[in-house]
Protein backbone atom coordinates (compact mmCIF):
# COMPACT_ATOMS: atom_id res chain seq x y z
CA MET A 1 0.00 0.00 0.00
CA PHE A 2 2.79 2.44 0.85
CA GLU A 3 4.47 1.69 -2.47
CA GLU A 4 1.23 2.56 -4.29
CA CYS A 5 1.08 5.88 -2.42
CA ILE A 6 4.68 6.66 -3.39
CA THR A 7 3.91 5.82 -7.02
CA SER A 8 0.84 8.08 -7.06
CA LEU A 9 2.66 10.88 -5.27
CA THR A 10 5.68 10.74 -7.57
CA ASN A 11 3.48 10.75 -10.66
CA TYR A 12 1.41 13.66 -9.33
CA LEU A 13 4.42 15.81 -8.46
CA VAL A 14 6.26 15.46 -11.75
CA ASP A 15 3.37 14.96 -14.17
CA ASP A 16 3.48 18.46 -15.72
CA LEU A 17 7.28 18.74 -15.87
CA ARG A 18 9.44 18.24 -18.93
CA ASP A 19 11.61 15.10 -19.06
CA ARG A 20 14.86 17.11 -19.14
CA ASP A 21 13.95 19.20 -16.06
CA MET A 22 15.89 18.41 -12.90
CA VAL A 23 13.97 17.32 -9.79
CA GLY A 24 14.85 16.29 -6.27
CA LEU A 25 12.73 15.28 -3.27
CA ARG A 26 13.12 15.94 0.44
CA PHE A 27 11.19 13.99 3.09
CA ARG A 28 10.97 15.12 6.70
CA ASN A 29 9.17 13.43 9.54
CA THR A 30 7.21 16.21 11.29
CA GLU A 31 6.44 14.06 14.35
CA ASN A 32 10.11 13.53 15.23
CA VAL A 33 11.66 16.89 14.45
CA GLN A 34 15.10 15.75 15.59
CA ASP A 35 15.24 13.32 12.67
CA TYR A 36 17.23 14.30 9.66
CA VAL A 37 15.79 15.07 6.24
CA VAL A 38 15.79 12.24 3.71
CA VAL A 39 16.98 13.55 0.36
CA ILE A 40 16.63 12.09 -3.10
CA SER A 41 19.30 13.83 -5.12
CA PHE A 42 18.67 15.85 -8.24
CA ARG A 43 18.09 13.83 -11.37
CA ARG A 44 16.26 14.26 -14.64
CA ARG A 45 12.51 14.11 -14.28
CA ASP A 46 12.29 10.99 -16.46
CA GLN A 47 14.73 9.23 -14.09
CA LEU A 48 12.68 9.88 -10.95
CA LYS A 49 10.72 6.66 -10.63
CA HIS A 50 8.81 5.35 -7.66
CA GLU A 51 11.36 2.53 -7.37
CA VAL A 52 14.09 5.10 -6.66
CA VAL A 53 11.99 6.82 -4.01
CA TRP A 54 10.98 3.55 -2.41
CA SER A 55 14.57 2.30 -2.38
CA VAL A 56 15.80 5.36 -0.48
CA LEU A 57 12.86 5.45 1.96
CA GLY A 58 13.09 1.69 2.54
CA LYS A 59 16.72 1.96 3.62
CA VAL A 60 15.92 4.82 6.00
CA VAL A 61 12.97 3.01 7.55
CA GLN A 62 15.06 -0.14 8.09
CA SER A 63 17.93 1.75 9.68
CA ASN A 64 15.97 4.27 11.75
CA ALA A 65 13.09 2.96 13.84
CA ARG A 66 11.98 6.51 14.77
CA PHE A 67 11.34 7.45 11.16
CA GLY A 68 7.88 5.92 11.24
CA LEU A 69 5.86 5.76 8.08
CA SER A 70 2.67 6.17 10.06
CA ASP A 71 3.86 9.61 11.18
CA ARG A 72 3.19 12.73 9.15
CA LEU A 73 5.72 13.21 6.36
CA GLU A 74 6.46 16.60 4.88
CA ILE A 75 7.54 16.33 1.24
CA HIS A 76 9.29 19.05 -0.76
CA LEU A 77 9.83 18.91 -4.51
CA ASP A 78 12.87 20.86 -5.70
CA HIS A 79 12.68 21.63 -9.42
CA PHE A 80 14.54 23.66 -11.98
CA ARG A 81 14.14 23.85 -15.72
CA MET A 82 17.04 22.93 -17.94
CA PRO A 83 17.49 25.30 -20.87
CA ALA A 84 16.80 23.96 -24.33
CA GLY A 85 19.45 24.18 -27.02
CA ASN A 86 23.16 24.87 -26.75
CA GLY A 87 22.94 28.42 -25.35
CA ARG A 88 23.79 30.25 -28.54
CA GLU A 89 21.69 33.06 -29.89
CA LYS A 90 20.15 32.37 -33.27
CA THR A 91 21.43 34.90 -35.80
CA LYS A 92 19.36 33.98 -38.87
CA GLY A 93 22.04 34.97 -41.33
CA ARG A 94 23.40 38.09 -39.61
CA PHE A 95 26.67 38.54 -37.78
CA LEU A 96 26.86 39.27 -34.07
CA GLU A 97 29.39 41.87 -32.96
């Protein structure tokens, strides 16, 4: 059931983003404020799959009994758009000086 929630949440958060955009996730347990933030590092949007999220959260839950999945989780999506093209200005046959 938790894996289904992660799948739905991941799909909802990144549904409107372009595949080349960079995204990262941060999870924080609001019940145990002394716990650290679980971070899923920046990657292309098309590489952020629920398996990646579940893999990271699964390791944290196994290693930290206080990071309870029944507690309230605060989730932050970090996103930035990658520019399209190679960064050059199109000149359309004229010289740039």
